[in-house]
Amino acid sequence: MVHECIACDRPVRARQQGIQCDGCDRWQHRTCGTGLTQADYRRAVQNAQSTDHHLHNKLEQCCRARVRASAGARRCLQVLVRSRVSRDVNKTSQGGLVHRSGRAALLCSLPPCLGAVMCAVTGLLVLTQPAGTIVASLPWVLRAASQHVTRMLYVHLDPLARTSLPPRPLTLYSHIITTIYARSPALCAGLEVRVLLAGFKACAATPPHTRQPVDVVLLAGAGQGGERLQEAVRRYSGCPAGGGEVVVLPEAQEGQGQEDGPASLPPGVPTDQVYRNVVLGGTFDRPHAGHLVLVSAALLRCRDRLVCGVADGPLLRRKTLAELIRPVQERLAGVTQLVGELDPSVRCEAVAIQEALGPTRWDPDMQMLVVSEETKGGVAAINRVREESGLCLLEGHVVSLVEDEGRESPEEETKASSSSVRMRLLGTFLRQPAPAGPARPYVIGLTGGSATGKSTLARQLAGLGAAVVDCDKLGHEAYLPGTACNKALVESFGSDIVGEDGHINRPALAARVFGSEAARQQLNGIVWPEIERLVRQRVARLAAQGTAVVVVDAALLLEAQWDTLCHQVWVCVLRREEAIRRITQRDNKSREQAERRLDSQMAPGEQVARANVVFCTEWADECTRRQVERAWDALTNHLSHNTPTPNNTTTTNKL
């Protein structure tokens, strides 16, 4: 078998003893310019647990570059690795079929970088066994499929599965789809899973359309031979992109990954039928199992038009971590794309709504409303309004809540929800920082509104090894008698702002500038540059001491533009009601005073828009600690793996 070398475009021959390019005797990645000689490559595969760190790093570089490479280069790299280890895999051919029953065990024995190369990025899982038996086999099937794919797994119901169906097949189909989405976070960790509805809604004789090109087709329940298998192979042999393959998943052994299927089938309901116009609503922030089940239930029962109401404005105020909810335009585009991906035969109308009823209040064509168990009371409320307006009443289909099998902490909801997804973003990079560069120390700007817990985070970061520069203390230092800042303040605002002890009477100064925007800007123009000077001074002193990471704790970091001194901005947010409670208890302020303080500060949404990492201290101390440790681990990894770029213009460190 001959392939082109992705280093020199000359023929590459896969031999039993290794890989050899007729031109350069090596394979090399076109994107990053790194590669392995034939001897290095053979040694790496033969010794999967090699401690040769230099060789391991070269392998990792090539595999990371694979993600950025073109599809053709990626497939070529996969062929090179597969051809070397093919003797360890049970490989047989049947009319174009490639059967790899030992692949999962092989992947476990290889270094992570080589295992990633062997896997396809996108797979199409085809369920061919009778539909009534699918749920029982899903644990085994999903685990087996996840061994072959690294990013996206599409699931399709083959016509062979549409046998011995119950009188109301939508009940069975809904059960299959719900089980796939509910179990996949645990069984297919790290994969996006999408159940394509073409096979459920029609006896499609042709393979379904997928938004992303399919690298590998995985046949489940087709058996290990015979006409049934041959028919399935012929139908899907043209699906994979060039260089892809059709893989028959091994059958589960008795008692292995089997669960009761038909026995747990929920009873049929009157709404298990198809309507022309269906409507549903939600936040649709980031797709999770609950969203996918809800949308799929609506699409199964929809023939022509699906209206998706996307919550915005006042409807978001009570949401957990509302600051992290994506802009409504992004969510509208996301739900439209999702519907098109799951069922392109249905026309999707995604509309932003700022009150609960949305278009159900006036649209005369709507026939059915799909809701979750939490919002099923909304069906009666909507129908009362429609009846008053002389509109037809809506049938209500209730979708059960999906248990979150990927729950990471007790603070998260037990059901799959956008709130839990947003909680998992805390302490992670929302915006990827620029390469670290050679300068030290690495400076983190930590900010947030009043009572959000910045000081708590700063103490925990100090415990992990960071040096903390407290800008509030620097502000007090700037006001000290004898400083240039003190002199400028007295000259600008008068000697009556000076107390008997010679220090600035800060309440008197605050009263002087209250209600005057010009006076406030004048004050900031005096104090902020002095604090910035002191920050630079402290960081320079820490740099001389060899400090690696400095955290600048500043409530006004963004307003004063001190973020230009930092490599990253970390923001702490808190629900408004909780912030008011803390201010009134801690500072002995009235609710009105607390609200005025919060209103005078930069909006949390603006802060989050400029943040690399976001935290929230609303829950138990242990939850905050996990966020901080997650962020610190990400920072440590970033500093150890990023090298300076010659023409880097995105890092704004001026220190």
Foldseek 3Di string as FASTA:
>chain_A
DWDAAQVPRAIWDQDQQWIQGPPPQWHAHPPPGATDHGVLVSVCLVCQPDPPVVSVVSLQVRLVVLVVDDPVSLLVQLCRLCSHCVVVFPFDDDPQATAGACQLVVLVSHDVSSQSSNAAAEEEEEEQAALQQCLQQVLVSLLQVLSRHQEEYEYEYALNRPPPADPLNLLSVLLNLLSCQLCCCPRNPNYHYAYACPVVQDNDQADDDAPDQHQEYEYEPQDDDDDSVVSVCVRCVPRHDPSGHYYYHDDADVPGSGDDGNVPRDDDDPLSAADAEEEEEDQQQDDGSQNNSQLVSRVSRHQEEYEYEHEDDPVLQPAAPSLPRDDPVVSQVVVQVSNCRRYVRYHYHYDYDHDDCPCLLPDQRHAAYEEEPVCQVVLVVSQVSCVVVVHDRHHYHYDYFRARPPQDDPVDDRTDDVNSVVLVQFLAFPDDFDAQEDDDAAEEEEAEAAPQCRVVLQVLVVVVQAAEDELVVVLQVCQDPPHPLVVVLCVVQHPVQADPVRTGVVVVLCVSCPPPPVSVVVNCVRRLVSSLVVVVVVRVVVVVVVRHYYYYYDHCCVVSVVCLQHRFYEYGYENLVVSLVCCCVVVVDDSVVSVVRRVVGDDPSVSVVRHRHYHGPPDDPVSRSVSSVSNVVVVVVSNVPGYDDPPDPRGSNPD
